[in-house]
């Protein structure tokens, strides 16, 4: 399954640079949590201070199960707390929501 999500960073060039630096050497425990939750591939793109994430997951992947496992992993919580220093929620995000699922509005080739 493919998921696409968006999130903003604080509009501060130094903070954006630091955020990107952390993502050049993501902590092993964080990578393990991605793998263990059923995420097969993840890519994050940036334009300005807007982030766009593409996730490819195994069948049966659950955002809720990943969140529950992450809540029990102190190293993942530490990473998330650190990343939150740089992140800015989208104006339409629900309270407590960071990454927001995006809705597909176009596909090519068209599936009939």
PDB file of N, CA and C in Angstrom:
ATOM      1  N   UNK A   1       0.847  -1.179   0.000  1.00  0.00           N
ATOM      2  CA  UNK A   1       0.000   0.000   0.000  1.00  0.00           C
ATOM      3  C   UNK A   1       0.891   1.239   0.000  1.00  0.00           C
ATOM      4  N   UNK A   2       0.469   2.258  -0.704  1.00  0.00           N
ATOM      5  CA  UNK A   2       1.216   3.512  -0.751  1.00  0.00           C
ATOM      6  C   UNK A   2       0.430   4.596  -0.016  1.00  0.00           C
ATOM      7  N   UNK A   3       1.137   5.339   0.834  1.00  0.00           N
ATOM      8  CA  UNK A   3       0.565   6.479   1.539  1.00  0.00           C
ATOM      9  C   UNK A   3       1.399   7.702   1.210  1.00  0.00           C
ATOM     10  N   UNK A   4       0.736   8.833   1.069  1.00  0.00           N
ATOM     11  CA  UNK A   4       1.430  10.107   0.874  1.00  0.00           C
ATOM     12  C   UNK A   4       0.977  11.043   1.986  1.00  0.00           C
ATOM     13  N   UNK A   5       1.938  11.745   2.563  1.00  0.00           N
ATOM     14  CA  UNK A   5       1.650  12.612   3.701  1.00  0.00           C
ATOM     15  C   UNK A   5       2.395  13.926   3.551  1.00  0.00           C
ATOM     16  N   UNK A   6       1.918  14.956   4.249  1.00  0.00           N
ATOM     17  CA  UNK A   6       2.556  16.266   4.203  1.00  0.00           C
ATOM     18  C   UNK A   6       2.703  16.826   5.613  1.00  0.00           C
ATOM     19  N   UNK A   7       3.696  17.685   5.755  1.00  0.00           N
ATOM     20  CA  UNK A   7       3.982  18.363   7.018  1.00  0.00           C
ATOM     21  C   UNK A   7       4.838  19.574   6.683  1.00  0.00           C
ATOM     22  N   UNK A   8       4.730  20.624   7.460  1.00  0.00           N
ATOM     23  CA  UNK A   8       5.593  21.796   7.272  1.00  0.00           C
ATOM     24  C   UNK A   8       6.699  21.810   8.312  1.00  0.00           C
ATOM     25  N   UNK A   9       7.795  22.424   7.922  1.00  0.00           N
ATOM     26  CA  UNK A   9       8.860  22.751   8.862  1.00  0.00           C
ATOM     27  C   UNK A   9       8.722  24.225   9.224  1.00  0.00           C
ATOM     28  N   UNK A  10       9.284  24.603  10.340  1.00  0.00           N
ATOM     29  CA  UNK A  10       9.331  26.016  10.680  1.00  0.00           C
ATOM     30  C   UNK A  10      10.142  26.710   9.580  1.00  0.00           C
ATOM     31  N   UNK A  11       9.698  27.862   9.182  1.00  0.00           N
ATOM     32  CA  UNK A  11      10.308  28.571   8.060  1.00  0.00           C
ATOM     33  C   UNK A  11      11.574  29.293   8.519  1.00  0.00           C
ATOM     34  N   UNK A  12      12.605  28.501   8.789  1.00  0.00           N
ATOM     35  CA  UNK A  12      13.885  28.998   9.298  1.00  0.00           C
ATOM     36  C   UNK A  12      14.983  28.199   8.597  1.00  0.00           C
ATOM     37  N   UNK A  13      15.751  28.840   7.702  1.00  0.00           N
ATOM     38  CA  UNK A  13      16.761  28.103   6.932  1.00  0.00           C
ATOM     39  C   UNK A  13      17.726  27.285   7.787  1.00  0.00           C
ATOM     40  N   UNK A  14      18.142  27.804   8.924  1.00  0.00           N
ATOM     41  CA  UNK A  14      19.069  27.058   9.779  1.00  0.00           C
ATOM     42  C   UNK A  14      18.397  25.810  10.348  1.00  0.00           C
ATOM     43  N   UNK A  15      17.150  25.946  10.798  1.00  0.00           N
ATOM     44  CA  UNK A  15      16.418  24.794  11.341  1.00  0.00           C
ATOM     45  C   UNK A  15      16.167  23.754  10.252  1.00  0.00           C
ATOM     46  N   UNK A  16      15.838  24.205   9.050  1.00  0.00           N
ATOM     47  CA  UNK A  16      15.606  23.280   7.937  1.00  0.00           C
ATOM     48  C   UNK A  16      16.885  22.514   7.626  1.00  0.00           C
ATOM     49  N   UNK A  17      18.011  23.211   7.614  1.00  0.00           N
ATOM     50  CA  UNK A  17      19.299  22.561   7.366  1.00  0.00           C
ATOM     51  C   UNK A  17      19.611  21.528   8.441  1.00  0.00           C
ATOM     52  N   UNK A  18      19.335  21.868   9.687  1.00  0.00           N
ATOM     53  CA  UNK A  18      19.587  20.935  10.791  1.00  0.00           C
ATOM     54  C   UNK A  18      18.677  19.709  10.682  1.00  0.00           C
ATOM     55  N   UNK A  19      17.410  19.941  10.340  1.00  0.00           N
ATOM     56  CA  UNK A  19      16.452  18.840  10.158  1.00  0.00           C
ATOM     57  C   UNK A  19      16.961  17.890   9.072  1.00  0.00           C
ATOM     58  N   UNK A  20      17.404  18.449   7.966  1.00  0.00           N
ATOM     59  CA  UNK A  20      17.925  17.611   6.878  1.00  0.00           C
ATOM     60  C   UNK A  20      19.178  16.857   7.309  1.00  0.00           C
ATOM     61  N   UNK A  21      20.025  17.482   8.094  1.00  0.00           N
ATOM     62  CA  UNK A  21      21.234  16.807   8.585  1.00  0.00           C
ATOM     63  C   UNK A  21      20.876  15.583   9.420  1.00  0.00           C
ATOM     64  N   UNK A  22      19.890  15.717  10.295  1.00  0.00           N
ATOM     65  CA  UNK A  22      19.460  14.566  11.084  1.00  0.00           C
ATOM     66  C   UNK A  22      18.991  13.426  10.179  1.00  0.00           C
ATOM     67  N   UNK A  23      18.370  13.772   9.073  1.00  0.00           N
ATOM     68  CA  UNK A  23      17.843  12.740   8.176  1.00  0.00           C
ATOM     69  C   UNK A  23      18.912  12.122   7.281  1.00  0.00           C
ATOM     70  N   UNK A  24      20.128  12.622   7.350  1.00  0.00           N
ATOM     71  CA  UNK A  24      21.251  11.979   6.669  1.00  0.00           C
ATOM     72  C   UNK A  24      21.828  10.849   7.522  1.00  0.00           C
ATOM     73  N   UNK A  25      21.454  10.826   8.803  1.00  0.00           N
ATOM     74  CA  UNK A  25      21.945   9.789   9.721  1.00  0.00           C
ATOM     75  C   UNK A  25      20.848   9.465  10.735  1.00  0.00           C
ATOM     76  N   UNK A  26      19.737   8.923  10.235  1.00  0.00           N
ATOM     77  CA  UNK A  26      18.613   8.578  11.108  1.00  0.00           C
ATOM     78  C   UNK A  26      19.066   7.491  12.088  1.00  0.00           C
ATOM     79  N   UNK A  27      18.658   7.634  13.324  1.00  0.00           N
ATOM     80  CA  UNK A  27      19.067   6.688  14.366  1.00  0.00           C
ATOM     81  C   UNK A  27      18.625   5.270  14.013  1.00  0.00           C
ATOM     82  N   UNK A  28      19.465   4.288  14.290  1.00  0.00           N
ATOM     83  CA  UNK A  28      19.137   2.891  13.957  1.00  0.00           C
ATOM     84  C   UNK A  28      17.820   2.412  14.578  1.00  0.00           C
ATOM     85  N   UNK A  29      17.521   2.847  15.779  1.00  0.00           N
ATOM     86  CA  UNK A  29      16.290   2.429  16.442  1.00  0.00           C
ATOM     87  C   UNK A  29      15.055   2.943  15.694  1.00  0.00           C
ATOM     88  N   UNK A  30      15.185   4.114  15.099  1.00  0.00           N
ATOM     89  CA  UNK A  30      14.083   4.679  14.323  1.00  0.00           C
ATOM     90  C   UNK A  30      13.900   3.880  13.035  1.00  0.00           C
ATOM     91  N   UNK A  31      15.000   3.555  12.382  1.00  0.00           N
ATOM     92  CA  UNK A  31      14.926   2.737  11.162  1.00  0.00           C
ATOM     93  C   UNK A  31      14.339   1.361  11.481  1.00  0.00           C
ATOM     94  N   UNK A  32      14.744   0.782  12.618  1.00  0.00           N
ATOM     95  CA  UNK A  32      14.182  -0.512  13.034  1.00  0.00           C
ATOM     96  C   UNK A  32      12.677  -0.407  13.245  1.00  0.00           C
ATOM     97  N   UNK A  33      12.224   0.687  13.843  1.00  0.00           N
ATOM     98  CA  UNK A  33      10.786   0.839  14.112  1.00  0.00           C
ATOM     99  C   UNK A  33      10.008   0.959  12.805  1.00  0.00           C
ATOM    100  N   UNK A  34      10.580   1.606  11.810  1.00  0.00           N
ATOM    101  CA  UNK A  34       9.924   1.696  10.502  1.00  0.00           C
ATOM    102  C   UNK A  34       9.788   0.303   9.893  1.00  0.00           C
ATOM    103  N   UNK A  35      10.905  -0.414   9.881  1.00  0.00           N
ATOM    104  CA  UNK A  35      10.944  -1.763   9.309  1.00  0.00           C
ATOM    105  C   UNK A  35       9.978  -2.695  10.049  1.00  0.00           C
ATOM    106  N   UNK A  36      10.040  -2.662  11.384  1.00  0.00           N
ATOM    107  CA  UNK A  36       9.225  -3.558  12.204  1.00  0.00           C
ATOM    108  C   UNK A  36       7.726  -3.287  12.075  1.00  0.00           C
ATOM    109  N   UNK A  37       7.366  -2.052  11.732  1.00  0.00           N
ATOM    110  CA  UNK A  37       5.947  -1.711  11.620  1.00  0.00           C
ATOM    111  C   UNK A  37       5.353  -2.096  10.271  1.00  0.00           C
ATOM    112  N   UNK A  38       6.220  -2.479   9.329  1.00  0.00           N
ATOM    113  CA  UNK A  38       5.719  -2.881   8.016  1.00  0.00           C
ATOM    114  C   UNK A  38       5.926  -1.849   6.933  1.00  0.00           C
ATOM    115  N   UNK A  39       6.757  -0.851   7.207  1.00  0.00           N
ATOM    116  CA  UNK A  39       7.086   0.129   6.178  1.00  0.00           C
ATOM    117  C   UNK A  39       8.252  -0.427   5.372  1.00  0.00           C
ATOM    118  N   UNK A  40       8.015  -0.650   4.084  1.00  0.00           N
ATOM    119  CA  UNK A  40       9.044  -1.215   3.208  1.00  0.00           C
ATOM    120  C   UNK A  40       9.946  -0.132   2.636  1.00  0.00           C
ATOM    121  N   UNK A  41       9.387   1.034   2.384  1.00  0.00           N
ATOM    122  CA  UNK A  41      10.159   2.128   1.795  1.00  0.00           C
ATOM    123  C   UNK A  41       9.538   3.444   2.228  1.00  0.00           C
ATOM    124  N   UNK A  42      10.388   4.433   2.475  1.00  0.00           N
ATOM    125  CA  UNK A  42       9.925   5.768   2.837  1.00  0.00           C
ATOM    126  C   UNK A  42      10.850   6.781   2.177  1.00  0.00           C
ATOM    127  N   UNK A  43      10.243   7.780   1.579  1.00  0.00           N
ATOM    128  CA  UNK A  43      10.998   8.886   0.998  1.00  0.00           C
ATOM    129  C   UNK A  43      10.362  10.178   1.471  1.00  0.00           C
ATOM    130  N   UNK A  44      11.211  11.157   1.795  1.00  0.00           N
ATOM    131  CA  UNK A  44      10.723  12.483   2.176  1.00  0.00           C
ATOM    132  C   UNK A  44      11.347  13.487   1.224  1.00  0.00           C
ATOM    133  N   UNK A  45      10.490  14.358   0.672  1.00  0.00           N
ATOM    134  CA  UNK A  45      10.920  15.426  -0.229  1.00  0.00           C
ATOM    135  C   UNK A  45      10.581  16.763   0.425  1.00  0.00           C
ATOM    136  N   UNK A  46      11.317  17.795   0.021  1.00  0.00           N
ATOM    137  CA  UNK A  46      11.072  19.136   0.571  1.00  0.00           C
ATOM    138  C   UNK A  46      11.044  20.166  -0.545  1.00  0.00           C
ATOM    139  N   UNK A  47      10.135  21.100  -0.442  1.00  0.00           N
ATOM    140  CA  UNK A  47      10.146  22.318  -1.238  1.00  0.00           C
ATOM    141  C   UNK A  47       9.853  23.454  -0.276  1.00  0.00           C
ATOM    142  N   UNK A  48      10.745  24.424  -0.210  1.00  0.00           N
ATOM    143  CA  UNK A  48      10.594  25.474   0.794  1.00  0.00           C
ATOM    144  C   UNK A  48      10.583  24.842   2.164  1.00  0.00           C
ATOM    145  N   UNK A  49       9.530  25.100   2.932  1.00  0.00           N
ATOM    146  CA  UNK A  49       9.429  24.470   4.251  1.00  0.00           C
ATOM    147  C   UNK A  49       8.350  23.384   4.278  1.00  0.00           C
ATOM    148  N   UNK A  50       7.840  22.975   3.113  1.00  0.00           N
ATOM    149  CA  UNK A  50       6.824  21.919   3.034  1.00  0.00           C
ATOM    150  C   UNK A  50       7.496  20.582   2.765  1.00  0.00           C
ATOM    151  N   UNK A  51       7.134  19.569   3.572  1.00  0.00           N
ATOM    152  CA  UNK A  51       7.635  18.208   3.399  1.00  0.00           C
ATOM    153  C   UNK A  51       6.543  17.341   2.790  1.00  0.00           C
ATOM    154  N   UNK A  52       6.971  16.398   1.965  1.00  0.00           N
ATOM    155  CA  UNK A  52       6.079  15.440   1.318  1.00  0.00           C
ATOM    156  C   UNK A  52       6.697  14.067   1.505  1.00  0.00           C
ATOM    157  N   UNK A  53       5.941  13.135   2.082  1.00  0.00           N
ATOM    158  CA  UNK A  53       6.442  11.794   2.368  1.00  0.00           C
ATOM    159  C   UNK A  53       5.662  10.760   1.554  1.00  0.00           C
ATOM    160  N   UNK A  54       6.396   9.802   0.999  1.00  0.00           N
ATOM    161  CA  UNK A  54       5.787   8.654   0.343  1.00  0.00           C
ATOM    162  C   UNK A  54       6.210   7.423   1.126  1.00  0.00           C
ATOM    163  N   UNK A  55       5.230   6.630   1.532  1.00  0.00           N
ATOM    164  CA  UNK A  55       5.492   5.387   2.269  1.00  0.00           C
ATOM    165  C   UNK A  55       4.913   4.220   1.494  1.00  0.00           C
ATOM    166  N   UNK A  56       5.702   3.183   1.334  1.00  0.00           N
ATOM    167  CA  UNK A  56       5.226   1.913   0.779  1.00  0.00           C
ATOM    168  C   UNK A  56       5.220   0.920   1.937  1.00  0.00           C
ATOM    169  N   UNK A  57       4.082   0.272   2.151  1.00  0.00           N
ATOM    170  CA  UNK A  57       3.937  -0.609   3.309  1.00  0.00           C
ATOM    171  C   UNK A  57       3.488  -2.006   2.886  1.00  0.00           C
ATOM    172  N   UNK A  58       3.630  -2.917   3.818  1.00  0.00           N
ATOM    173  CA  UNK A  58       3.129  -4.271   3.599  1.00  0.00           C
ATOM    174  C   UNK A  58       1.608  -4.267   3.777  1.00  0.00           C
ATOM    175  N   UNK A  59       0.915  -5.273   3.234  1.00  0.00           N
ATOM    176  CA  UNK A  59      -0.530  -5.383   3.495  1.00  0.00           C
ATOM    177  C   UNK A  59      -0.762  -5.499   5.008  1.00  0.00           C
ATOM    178  N   UNK A  60      -1.787  -4.857   5.481  1.00  0.00           N
ATOM    179  CA  UNK A  60      -2.106  -4.921   6.902  1.00  0.00           C
ATOM    180  C   UNK A  60      -1.404  -3.875   7.746  1.00  0.00           C
ATOM    181  N   UNK A  61      -0.606  -3.003   7.130  1.00  0.00           N
ATOM    182  CA  UNK A  61       0.051  -1.933   7.887  1.00  0.00           C
ATOM    183  C   UNK A  61      -1.004  -1.105   8.609  1.00  0.00           C
ATOM    184  N   UNK A  62      -0.667  -0.666   9.824  1.00  0.00           N
ATOM    185  CA  UNK A  62      -1.594   0.119  10.632  1.00  0.00           C
ATOM    186  C   UNK A  62      -0.864   1.296  11.267  1.00  0.00           C
ATOM    187  N   UNK A  63      -1.364   2.501  10.999  1.00  0.00           N
ATOM    188  CA  UNK A  63      -0.800   3.686  11.649  1.00  0.00           C
ATOM    189  C   UNK A  63      -0.995   3.595  13.163  1.00  0.00           C
ATOM    190  N   UNK A  64      -2.124   3.047  13.581  1.00  0.00           N
ATOM    191  CA  UNK A  64      -2.413   2.938  15.014  1.00  0.00           C
ATOM    192  C   UNK A  64      -1.440   1.978  15.700  1.00  0.00           C
ATOM    193  N   UNK A  65      -1.171   0.832  15.060  1.00  0.00           N
ATOM    194  CA  UNK A  65      -0.231  -0.135  15.636  1.00  0.00           C
ATOM    195  C   UNK A  65       1.174   0.455  15.691  1.00  0.00           C
ATOM    196  N   UNK A  66       1.563   1.191  14.664  1.00  0.00           N
ATOM    197  CA  UNK A  66       2.890   1.823  14.677  1.00  0.00           C
ATOM    198  C   UNK A  66       2.976   2.839  15.814  1.00  0.00           C
ATOM    199  N   UNK A  67       1.944   3.658  15.967  1.00  0.00           N
ATOM    200  CA  UNK A  67       1.944   4.657  17.043  1.00  0.00           C
ATOM    201  C   UNK A  67       2.020   3.991  18.413  1.00  0.00           C
ATOM    202  N   UNK A  68       1.305   2.888  18.592  1.00  0.00           N
ATOM    203  CA  UNK A  68       1.335   2.178  19.877  1.00  0.00           C
ATOM    204  C   UNK A  68       2.722   1.610  20.152  1.00  0.00           C
ATOM    205  N   UNK A  69       3.359   1.025  19.134  1.00  0.00           N
ATOM    206  CA  UNK A  69       4.716   0.479  19.310  1.00  0.00           C
ATOM    207  C   UNK A  69       5.708   1.599  19.587  1.00  0.00           C
ATOM    208  N   UNK A  70       5.566   2.709  18.882  1.00  0.00           N
ATOM    209  CA  UNK A  70       6.478   3.839  19.076  1.00  0.00           C
ATOM    210  C   UNK A  70       6.351   4.414  20.482  1.00  0.00           C
ATOM    211  N   UNK A  71       5.142   4.410  21.018  1.00  0.00           N
ATOM    212  CA  UNK A  71       4.924   4.942  22.368  1.00  0.00           C
ATOM    213  C   UNK A  71       5.685   4.139  23.416  1.00  0.00           C
ATOM    214  N   UNK A  72       5.971   2.880  23.116  1.00  0.00           N
ATOM    215  CA  UNK A  72       6.715   2.022  24.041  1.00  0.00           C
ATOM    216  C   UNK A  72       8.224   2.060  23.825  1.00  0.00           C
ATOM    217  N   UNK A  73       8.667   2.750  22.776  1.00  0.00           N
ATOM    218  CA  UNK A  73      10.082   2.783  22.406  1.00  0.00           C
ATOM    219  C   UNK A  73      10.663   4.148  22.774  1.00  0.00           C
ATOM    220  N   UNK A  74      11.442   4.196  23.840  1.00  0.00           N
ATOM    221  CA  UNK A  74      11.946   5.477  24.340  1.00  0.00           C
ATOM    222  C   UNK A  74      12.844   6.187  23.323  1.00  0.00           C
ATOM    223  N   UNK A  75      13.586   5.433  22.549  1.00  0.00           N
ATOM    224  CA  UNK A  75      14.481   6.052  21.564  1.00  0.00           C
ATOM    225  C   UNK A  75      13.684   6.686  20.420  1.00  0.00           C
ATOM    226  N   UNK A  76      12.621   6.038  19.984  1.00  0.00           N
ATOM    227  CA  UNK A  76      11.766   6.611  18.941  1.00  0.00           C
ATOM    228  C   UNK A  76      11.065   7.859  19.476  1.00  0.00           C
ATOM    229  N   UNK A  77      10.589   7.803  20.716  1.00  0.00           N
ATOM    230  CA  UNK A  77       9.958   8.991  21.324  1.00  0.00           C
ATOM    231  C   UNK A  77      10.957  10.142  21.402  1.00  0.00           C
ATOM    232  N   UNK A  78      12.204   9.826  21.745  1.00  0.00           N
ATOM    233  CA  UNK A  78      13.236  10.861  21.812  1.00  0.00           C
ATOM    234  C   UNK A  78      13.450  11.492  20.435  1.00  0.00           C
ATOM    235  N   UNK A  79      13.503  10.659  19.393  1.00  0.00           N
ATOM    236  CA  UNK A  79      13.654  11.160  18.016  1.00  0.00           C
ATOM    237  C   UNK A  79      12.467  12.058  17.646  1.00  0.00           C
ATOM    238  N   UNK A  80      11.264  11.593  17.935  1.00  0.00           N
ATOM    239  CA  UNK A  80      10.068  12.360  17.586  1.00  0.00           C
ATOM    240  C   UNK A  80      10.040  13.701  18.325  1.00  0.00           C
ATOM    241  N   UNK A  81      10.425  13.700  19.585  1.00  0.00           N
ATOM    242  CA  UNK A  81      10.490  14.954  20.343  1.00  0.00           C
ATOM    243  C   UNK A  81      11.521  15.901  19.733  1.00  0.00           C
ATOM    244  N   UNK A  82      12.652  15.362  19.306  1.00  0.00           N
ATOM    245  CA  UNK A  82      13.691  16.175  18.678  1.00  0.00           C
ATOM    246  C   UNK A  82      13.198  16.752  17.357  1.00  0.00           C
ATOM    247  N   UNK A  83      12.561  15.927  16.529  1.00  0.00           N
ATOM    248  CA  UNK A  83      12.077  16.385  15.223  1.00  0.00           C
ATOM    249  C   UNK A  83      10.985  17.436  15.374  1.00  0.00           C
ATOM    250  N   UNK A  84      10.197  17.307  16.425  1.00  0.00           N
ATOM    251  CA  UNK A  84       9.105  18.254  16.646  1.00  0.00           C
ATOM    252  C   UNK A  84       9.618  19.683  16.831  1.00  0.00           C
ATOM    253  N   UNK A  85      10.854  19.838  17.275  1.00  0.00           N
ATOM    254  CA  UNK A  85      11.446  21.180  17.416  1.00  0.00           C
ATOM    255  C   UNK A  85      11.484  21.912  16.074  1.00  0.00           C
ATOM    256  N   UNK A  86      11.553  21.160  14.980  1.00  0.00           N
ATOM    257  CA  UNK A  86      11.696  21.742  13.652  1.00  0.00           C
ATOM    258  C   UNK A  86      10.372  21.799  12.883  1.00  0.00           C
ATOM    259  N   UNK A  87       9.396  21.040  13.345  1.00  0.00           N
ATOM    260  CA  UNK A  87       8.168  20.852  12.588  1.00  0.00           C
ATOM    261  C   UNK A  87       7.089  21.855  12.982  1.00  0.00           C
ATOM    262  N   UNK A  88       6.237  22.112  11.998  1.00  0.00           N
ATOM    263  CA  UNK A  88       5.103  23.013  12.189  1.00  0.00           C
ATOM    264  C   UNK A  88       3.892  22.337  11.562  1.00  0.00           C
ATOM    265  N   UNK A  89       2.888  22.106  12.338  1.00  0.00           N
ATOM    266  CA  UNK A  89       1.709  21.397  11.836  1.00  0.00           C
ATOM    267  C   UNK A  89       1.008  22.203  10.749  1.00  0.00           C
ATOM    268  N   UNK A  90       0.409  21.486   9.818  1.00  0.00           N
ATOM    269  CA  UNK A  90      -0.392  22.144   8.794  1.00  0.00           C
ATOM    270  C   UNK A  90      -1.621  22.763   9.448  1.00  0.00           C
ATOM    271  N   UNK A  91      -2.101  23.890   8.921  1.00  0.00           N
ATOM    272  CA  UNK A  91      -3.234  24.575   9.562  1.00  0.00           C
ATOM    273  C   UNK A  91      -4.476  23.705   9.698  1.00  0.00           C
ATOM    274  N   UNK A  92      -4.670  22.730   8.821  1.00  0.00           N
ATOM    275  CA  UNK A  92      -5.858  21.880   8.849  1.00  0.00           C
ATOM    276  C   UNK A  92      -5.630  20.554   9.575  1.00  0.00           C
ATOM    277  N   UNK A  93      -4.464  20.384  10.166  1.00  0.00           N
ATOM    278  CA  UNK A  93      -4.174  19.157  10.922  1.00  0.00           C
ATOM    279  C   UNK A  93      -5.060  19.089  12.171  1.00  0.00           C
ATOM    280  N   UNK A  94      -5.420  17.876  12.528  1.00  0.00           N
ATOM    281  CA  UNK A  94      -6.186  17.652  13.752  1.00  0.00           C
ATOM    282  C   UNK A  94      -5.268  17.903  14.958  1.00  0.00           C
ATOM    283  N   UNK A  95      -5.824  18.222  16.119  1.00  0.00           N
ATOM    284  CA  UNK A  95      -4.983  18.403  17.309  1.00  0.00           C
ATOM    285  C   UNK A  95      -4.111  17.157  17.544  1.00  0.00           C
ATOM    286  N   UNK A  96      -2.826  17.379  17.759  1.00  0.00           N
ATOM    287  CA  UNK A  96      -1.886  16.290  18.001  1.00  0.00           C
ATOM    288  C   UNK A  96      -1.385  15.603  16.741  1.00  0.00           C
ATOM    289  N   UNK A  97      -1.905  15.950  15.584  1.00  0.00           N
ATOM    290  CA  UNK A  97      -1.505  15.316  14.327  1.00  0.00           C
ATOM    291  C   UNK A  97      -0.336  16.074  13.730  1.00  0.00           C
ATOM    292  N   UNK A  98       0.693  15.307  13.339  1.00  0.00           N
ATOM    293  CA  UNK A  98       1.847  15.921  12.670  1.00  0.00           C
ATOM    294  C   UNK A  98       1.709  15.723  11.167  1.00  0.00           C
ATOM    295  N   UNK A  99       2.056  14.559  10.689  1.00  0.00           N
ATOM    296  CA  UNK A  99       1.946  14.257   9.266  1.00  0.00           C
ATOM    297  C   UNK A  99       0.471  14.072   8.909  1.00  0.00           C
ATOM    298  N   UNK A 100       0.043  14.680   7.808  1.00  0.00           N
ATOM    299  CA  UNK A 100      -1.341  14.620   7.359  1.00  0.00           C
ATOM    300  C   UNK A 100      -1.402  13.812   6.062  1.00  0.00           C
ATOM    301  N   UNK A 101      -2.291  12.815   6.033  1.00  0.00           N
ATOM    302  CA  UNK A 101      -2.482  12.027   4.814  1.00  0.00           C
ATOM    303  C   UNK A 101      -2.984  12.929   3.694  1.00  0.00           C
ATOM    304  N   UNK A 102      -2.441  12.713   2.510  1.00  0.00           N
ATOM    305  CA  UNK A 102      -2.856  13.475   1.342  1.00  0.00           C
ATOM    306  C   UNK A 102      -3.842  12.651   0.521  1.00  0.00           C
ATOM    307  N   UNK A 103      -4.717  13.337  -0.173  1.00  0.00           N
ATOM    308  CA  UNK A 103      -5.713  12.698  -1.018  1.00  0.00           C
ATOM    309  C   UNK A 103      -5.236  12.713  -2.464  1.00  0.00           C
ATOM    310  N   UNK A 104      -5.285  11.560  -3.106  1.00  0.00           N
ATOM    311  CA  UNK A 104      -4.904  11.483  -4.516  1.00  0.00           C
ATOM    312  C   UNK A 104      -5.991  12.134  -5.359  1.00  0.00           C
ATOM    313  N   UNK A 105      -5.587  13.050  -6.253  1.00  0.00           N
ATOM    314  CA  UNK A 105      -6.555  13.718  -7.103  1.00  0.00           C
ATOM    315  C   UNK A 105      -6.303  13.464  -8.588  1.00  0.00           C
ATOM    316  N   UNK A 106      -5.171  12.842  -8.929  1.00  0.00           N
ATOM    317  CA  UNK A 106      -4.869  12.533 -10.327  1.00  0.00           C
ATOM    318  C   UNK A 106      -3.918  11.366 -10.385  1.00  0.00           C
ATOM    319  N   UNK A 107      -4.111  10.550 -11.429  1.00  0.00           N
ATOM    320  CA  UNK A 107      -3.228   9.409 -11.643  1.00  0.00           C
ATOM    321  C   UNK A 107      -3.054   9.204 -13.135  1.00  0.00           C
ATOM    322  N   UNK A 108      -1.831   8.906 -13.556  1.00  0.00           N
ATOM    323  CA  UNK A 108      -1.549   8.554 -14.945  1.00  0.00           C
ATOM    324  C   UNK A 108      -0.603   7.372 -14.952  1.00  0.00           C
ATOM    325  N   UNK A 109      -0.780   6.340 -15.703  1.00  0.00           N
ATOM    326  CA  UNK A 109      -1.930   6.214 -16.606  1.00  0.00           C
ATOM    327  C   UNK A 109      -3.205   6.018 -15.818  1.00  0.00           C
ATOM    328  N   UNK A 110      -4.300   6.358 -16.449  1.00  0.00           N
ATOM    329  CA  UNK A 110      -5.605   6.247 -15.806  1.00  0.00           C
ATOM    330  C   UNK A 110      -5.996   4.784 -15.689  1.00  0.00           C
ATOM    331  N   UNK A 111      -6.479   4.397 -14.521  1.00  0.00           N
ATOM    332  CA  UNK A 111      -6.981   3.039 -14.309  1.00  0.00           C
ATOM    333  C   UNK A 111      -8.479   3.055 -14.545  1.00  0.00           C
ATOM    334  N   UNK A 112      -8.938   2.273 -15.494  1.00  0.00           N
ATOM    335  CA  UNK A 112     -10.378   2.249 -15.801  1.00  0.00           C
ATOM    336  C   UNK A 112     -11.039   1.057 -15.153  1.00  0.00           C
TER     337      UNK A 112
END
